[in-house]
N, C-alpha and C. Protein backbone atom coordinates (compact mmCIF):
# COMPACT_ATOMS: atom_id res chain seq x y z
N MET A 1 130.53 97.91 93.07
CA MET A 1 130.94 97.13 94.23
C MET A 1 130.42 95.71 94.02
N SER A 2 131.25 94.74 94.26
CA SER A 2 130.80 93.36 94.11
C SER A 2 129.96 92.96 95.32
N ALA A 3 129.00 92.10 95.06
CA ALA A 3 128.12 91.65 96.14
C ALA A 3 128.83 90.63 96.99
N ARG A 4 128.48 90.64 98.27
CA ARG A 4 129.05 89.62 99.15
C ARG A 4 128.42 88.29 98.79
N THR A 5 129.27 87.27 98.72
CA THR A 5 128.79 85.97 98.31
C THR A 5 128.33 85.11 99.46
N SER A 6 128.70 85.47 100.67
CA SER A 6 128.32 84.64 101.81
C SER A 6 128.42 85.45 103.09
N ASP A 7 128.02 84.82 104.18
CA ASP A 7 128.16 85.46 105.47
C ASP A 7 129.64 85.63 105.79
N PRO A 8 129.96 86.60 106.65
CA PRO A 8 131.37 86.80 107.02
C PRO A 8 131.97 85.57 107.68
N HIS A 9 133.24 85.38 107.44
CA HIS A 9 133.99 84.31 108.11
C HIS A 9 134.72 84.91 109.29
N GLU A 10 135.06 84.09 110.25
CA GLU A 10 135.87 84.54 111.39
C GLU A 10 137.06 83.60 111.53
N LEU A 11 138.24 84.20 111.64
CA LEU A 11 139.47 83.44 111.84
C LEU A 11 140.26 84.08 112.97
N SER A 12 140.95 83.26 113.72
CA SER A 12 141.86 83.79 114.74
C SER A 12 143.01 84.49 114.03
N VAL A 13 143.77 85.27 114.77
CA VAL A 13 144.93 85.95 114.19
C VAL A 13 145.87 84.93 113.55
N THR A 14 146.11 83.82 114.23
CA THR A 14 147.00 82.79 113.70
C THR A 14 146.45 82.19 112.42
N GLU A 15 145.16 81.87 112.41
CA GLU A 15 144.54 81.30 111.20
C GLU A 15 144.57 82.32 110.06
N ALA A 16 144.31 83.57 110.36
CA ALA A 16 144.33 84.61 109.33
C ALA A 16 145.73 84.75 108.75
N ARG A 17 146.74 84.68 109.60
CA ARG A 17 148.12 84.75 109.12
C ARG A 17 148.42 83.58 108.18
N ASP A 18 147.99 82.39 108.57
CA ASP A 18 148.28 81.20 107.78
C ASP A 18 147.52 81.17 106.45
N HIS A 19 146.41 81.90 106.37
CA HIS A 19 145.57 81.87 105.16
C HIS A 19 145.37 83.27 104.58
N PHE A 20 146.33 84.15 104.83
CA PHE A 20 146.17 85.55 104.46
C PHE A 20 145.93 85.74 102.96
N SER A 21 146.78 85.16 102.13
CA SER A 21 146.63 85.33 100.67
C SER A 21 145.28 84.83 100.19
N GLU A 22 144.86 83.68 100.71
CA GLU A 22 143.56 83.13 100.33
C GLU A 22 142.43 84.08 100.72
N ARG A 23 142.48 84.62 101.93
CA ARG A 23 141.41 85.50 102.40
C ARG A 23 141.39 86.82 101.61
N VAL A 24 142.59 87.32 101.26
CA VAL A 24 142.65 88.53 100.43
C VAL A 24 142.04 88.26 99.07
N ASN A 25 142.37 87.13 98.47
CA ASN A 25 141.80 86.78 97.17
C ASN A 25 140.28 86.62 97.26
N ARG A 26 139.80 86.04 98.34
CA ARG A 26 138.35 85.88 98.51
C ARG A 26 137.67 87.25 98.67
N ALA A 27 138.37 88.18 99.28
CA ALA A 27 137.82 89.53 99.40
C ALA A 27 137.78 90.20 98.04
N ILE A 28 138.87 90.09 97.28
CA ILE A 28 138.96 90.74 95.98
C ILE A 28 137.96 90.15 94.98
N TYR A 29 137.99 88.85 94.83
CA TYR A 29 137.24 88.20 93.75
C TYR A 29 135.85 87.71 94.17
N GLY A 30 135.65 87.50 95.45
CA GLY A 30 134.35 86.99 95.89
C GLY A 30 133.57 87.95 96.75
N GLY A 31 134.18 89.10 97.07
CA GLY A 31 133.51 90.07 97.92
C GLY A 31 133.33 89.61 99.35
N GLU A 32 134.11 88.62 99.77
CA GLU A 32 133.95 88.06 101.11
C GLU A 32 134.61 88.94 102.18
N VAL A 33 134.01 88.91 103.34
CA VAL A 33 134.53 89.61 104.51
C VAL A 33 135.02 88.56 105.50
N THR A 34 136.24 88.75 106.00
CA THR A 34 136.80 87.86 107.01
C THR A 34 137.14 88.69 108.24
N PHE A 35 136.51 88.38 109.35
CA PHE A 35 136.85 89.05 110.61
C PHE A 35 137.98 88.29 111.26
N VAL A 36 138.94 89.04 111.77
CA VAL A 36 140.07 88.46 112.49
C VAL A 36 139.79 88.65 113.97
N THR A 37 139.81 87.52 114.70
CA THR A 37 139.48 87.56 116.12
C THR A 37 140.73 87.33 116.96
N ARG A 38 140.62 87.72 118.22
CA ARG A 38 141.73 87.48 119.15
C ARG A 38 141.21 87.32 120.55
N GLY A 39 142.03 86.72 121.37
CA GLY A 39 141.68 86.54 122.77
C GLY A 39 140.81 85.32 123.01
N ARG A 40 140.61 85.02 124.27
CA ARG A 40 139.81 83.85 124.66
C ARG A 40 138.36 83.95 124.21
N ASN A 41 137.85 85.18 124.17
CA ASN A 41 136.46 85.37 123.77
C ASN A 41 136.30 85.53 122.26
N HIS A 42 137.40 85.41 121.54
CA HIS A 42 137.38 85.53 120.09
C HIS A 42 136.70 86.81 119.64
N GLN A 43 137.10 87.92 120.26
CA GLN A 43 136.52 89.21 119.90
C GLN A 43 137.07 89.67 118.56
N ARG A 44 136.19 90.23 117.75
CA ARG A 44 136.62 90.75 116.45
C ARG A 44 137.57 91.92 116.66
N ALA A 45 138.72 91.85 116.02
CA ALA A 45 139.74 92.88 116.19
C ALA A 45 140.03 93.62 114.89
N ALA A 46 139.82 92.96 113.76
CA ALA A 46 140.13 93.56 112.46
C ALA A 46 139.33 92.80 111.41
N ALA A 47 139.46 93.26 110.17
CA ALA A 47 138.74 92.58 109.09
C ALA A 47 139.53 92.67 107.80
N ILE A 48 139.39 91.65 107.00
CA ILE A 48 139.91 91.66 105.63
C ILE A 48 138.68 91.83 104.75
N VAL A 49 138.62 92.96 104.07
CA VAL A 49 137.43 93.30 103.30
C VAL A 49 137.83 93.76 101.91
N PRO A 50 136.89 93.72 100.95
CA PRO A 50 137.18 94.29 99.64
C PRO A 50 137.47 95.78 99.77
N ALA A 51 138.48 96.25 99.07
CA ALA A 51 138.87 97.66 99.16
C ALA A 51 137.72 98.59 98.78
N ASN A 52 136.91 98.19 97.80
CA ASN A 52 135.83 99.09 97.38
C ASN A 52 134.79 99.26 98.49
N LEU A 53 134.69 98.31 99.39
CA LEU A 53 133.79 98.45 100.53
C LEU A 53 134.27 99.58 101.44
N VAL A 54 135.56 99.64 101.69
CA VAL A 54 136.13 100.70 102.52
C VAL A 54 136.05 102.04 101.80
N GLU A 55 136.30 102.04 100.49
CA GLU A 55 136.20 103.28 99.73
C GLU A 55 134.78 103.84 99.79
N HIS A 56 133.78 102.98 99.68
CA HIS A 56 132.39 103.41 99.77
C HIS A 56 132.10 103.97 101.17
N TYR A 57 132.60 103.32 102.19
CA TYR A 57 132.44 103.79 103.56
C TYR A 57 133.05 105.18 103.73
N GLU A 58 134.24 105.39 103.16
CA GLU A 58 134.89 106.69 103.25
C GLU A 58 134.08 107.76 102.54
N GLU A 59 133.47 107.42 101.40
CA GLU A 59 132.60 108.36 100.69
C GLU A 59 131.41 108.75 101.55
N LEU A 60 130.82 107.76 102.23
CA LEU A 60 129.69 108.05 103.11
C LEU A 60 130.10 108.98 104.25
N LEU A 61 131.28 108.75 104.81
CA LEU A 61 131.78 109.64 105.88
C LEU A 61 131.99 111.05 105.35
N ASP A 62 132.56 111.17 104.15
CA ASP A 62 132.77 112.49 103.56
C ASP A 62 131.45 113.21 103.34
N GLU A 63 130.44 112.49 102.84
CA GLU A 63 129.12 113.09 102.62
C GLU A 63 128.51 113.55 103.95
N ARG A 64 128.66 112.73 104.99
CA ARG A 64 128.13 113.10 106.30
C ARG A 64 128.83 114.34 106.83
N ASP A 65 130.17 114.36 106.70
CA ASP A 65 130.93 115.51 107.18
C ASP A 65 130.54 116.78 106.44
N ALA A 66 130.33 116.68 105.13
CA ALA A 66 129.93 117.85 104.33
C ALA A 66 128.55 118.34 104.76
N ARG A 67 127.63 117.41 105.02
CA ARG A 67 126.28 117.78 105.47
C ARG A 67 126.35 118.49 106.83
N ILE A 68 127.14 117.96 107.75
CA ILE A 68 127.28 118.58 109.07
C ILE A 68 127.90 119.97 108.95
N ALA A 69 128.92 120.11 108.10
CA ALA A 69 129.56 121.42 107.92
C ALA A 69 128.56 122.43 107.35
N ALA A 70 127.75 122.00 106.39
CA ALA A 70 126.74 122.90 105.80
C ALA A 70 125.71 123.31 106.86
N GLU A 71 125.31 122.37 107.70
CA GLU A 71 124.36 122.68 108.77
C GLU A 71 124.95 123.68 109.75
N ARG A 72 126.22 123.50 110.12
CA ARG A 72 126.86 124.41 111.07
C ARG A 72 127.01 125.80 110.47
N LEU A 73 127.36 125.86 109.19
CA LEU A 73 127.49 127.15 108.52
C LEU A 73 126.14 127.86 108.47
N ALA A 74 125.08 127.11 108.18
CA ALA A 74 123.73 127.69 108.17
C ALA A 74 123.37 128.21 109.56
N ASP A 75 123.75 127.48 110.60
CA ASP A 75 123.49 127.93 111.98
C ASP A 75 124.17 129.27 112.25
N ILE A 76 125.40 129.41 111.77
CA ILE A 76 126.15 130.65 111.98
C ILE A 76 125.50 131.79 111.19
N GLU A 77 125.14 131.50 109.92
CA GLU A 77 124.56 132.53 109.06
C GLU A 77 123.21 133.01 109.57
N THR A 78 122.44 132.15 110.21
CA THR A 78 121.12 132.54 110.72
C THR A 78 121.17 133.05 112.15
N GLY A 79 122.35 133.02 112.77
CA GLY A 79 122.49 133.52 114.12
C GLY A 79 122.15 132.51 115.20
N ARG A 80 121.89 131.26 114.82
CA ARG A 80 121.60 130.22 115.83
C ARG A 80 122.87 129.81 116.58
N SER A 81 124.02 130.08 115.97
CA SER A 81 125.31 129.77 116.61
C SER A 81 126.20 130.99 116.46
N GLN A 82 127.15 131.12 117.36
CA GLN A 82 128.09 132.23 117.31
C GLN A 82 129.49 131.68 117.14
N THR A 83 130.35 132.51 116.60
CA THR A 83 131.75 132.12 116.44
C THR A 83 132.61 132.94 117.39
N ILE A 84 133.83 132.48 117.57
CA ILE A 84 134.80 133.19 118.38
C ILE A 84 136.13 133.12 117.64
N SER A 85 136.86 134.19 117.63
CA SER A 85 138.15 134.19 116.94
C SER A 85 139.16 133.35 117.72
N LEU A 86 140.17 132.91 117.03
CA LEU A 86 141.22 132.13 117.68
C LEU A 86 141.90 132.95 118.76
N GLU A 87 142.13 134.22 118.47
CA GLU A 87 142.79 135.09 119.44
C GLU A 87 141.94 135.22 120.71
N ASP A 88 140.63 135.39 120.55
CA ASP A 88 139.75 135.48 121.72
C ASP A 88 139.72 134.17 122.50
N LEU A 89 139.72 133.07 121.80
CA LEU A 89 139.74 131.77 122.47
C LEU A 89 141.03 131.58 123.26
N GLU A 90 142.15 131.92 122.64
CA GLU A 90 143.44 131.79 123.34
C GLU A 90 143.46 132.66 124.60
N ARG A 91 142.93 133.89 124.48
CA ARG A 91 142.86 134.78 125.65
C ARG A 91 141.99 134.19 126.72
N LYS A 92 140.84 133.64 126.32
CA LYS A 92 139.92 133.06 127.28
C LYS A 92 140.53 131.85 128.00
N LEU A 93 141.37 131.10 127.29
CA LEU A 93 142.01 129.90 127.87
C LEU A 93 143.38 130.22 128.48
N ASN A 94 143.76 131.50 128.46
CA ASN A 94 145.07 131.91 128.99
C ASN A 94 146.24 131.20 128.32
N LEU A 95 146.16 131.12 127.01
CA LEU A 95 147.26 130.48 126.25
C LEU A 95 148.21 131.51 125.69
């Protein structure tokens, strides 16, 4: 992953549209993050970021999800949690 070269930039939606190619290139080659803002308060609405930054974030989410799944399975195996069949759940919910 390339290092970020500077603090994030902020551009309005209009400015981001007018400079989209430049901001994408800065993300790719310079590791820069550009937040796209909107509204009177210039609230951050989106971001133009290096793709590898998002890929790394997705990997972290996958690792977290796998850890949580392993913990839940351990809870079931040790009897700390119980399961219910889909059929029993449907009956309980009158589906």
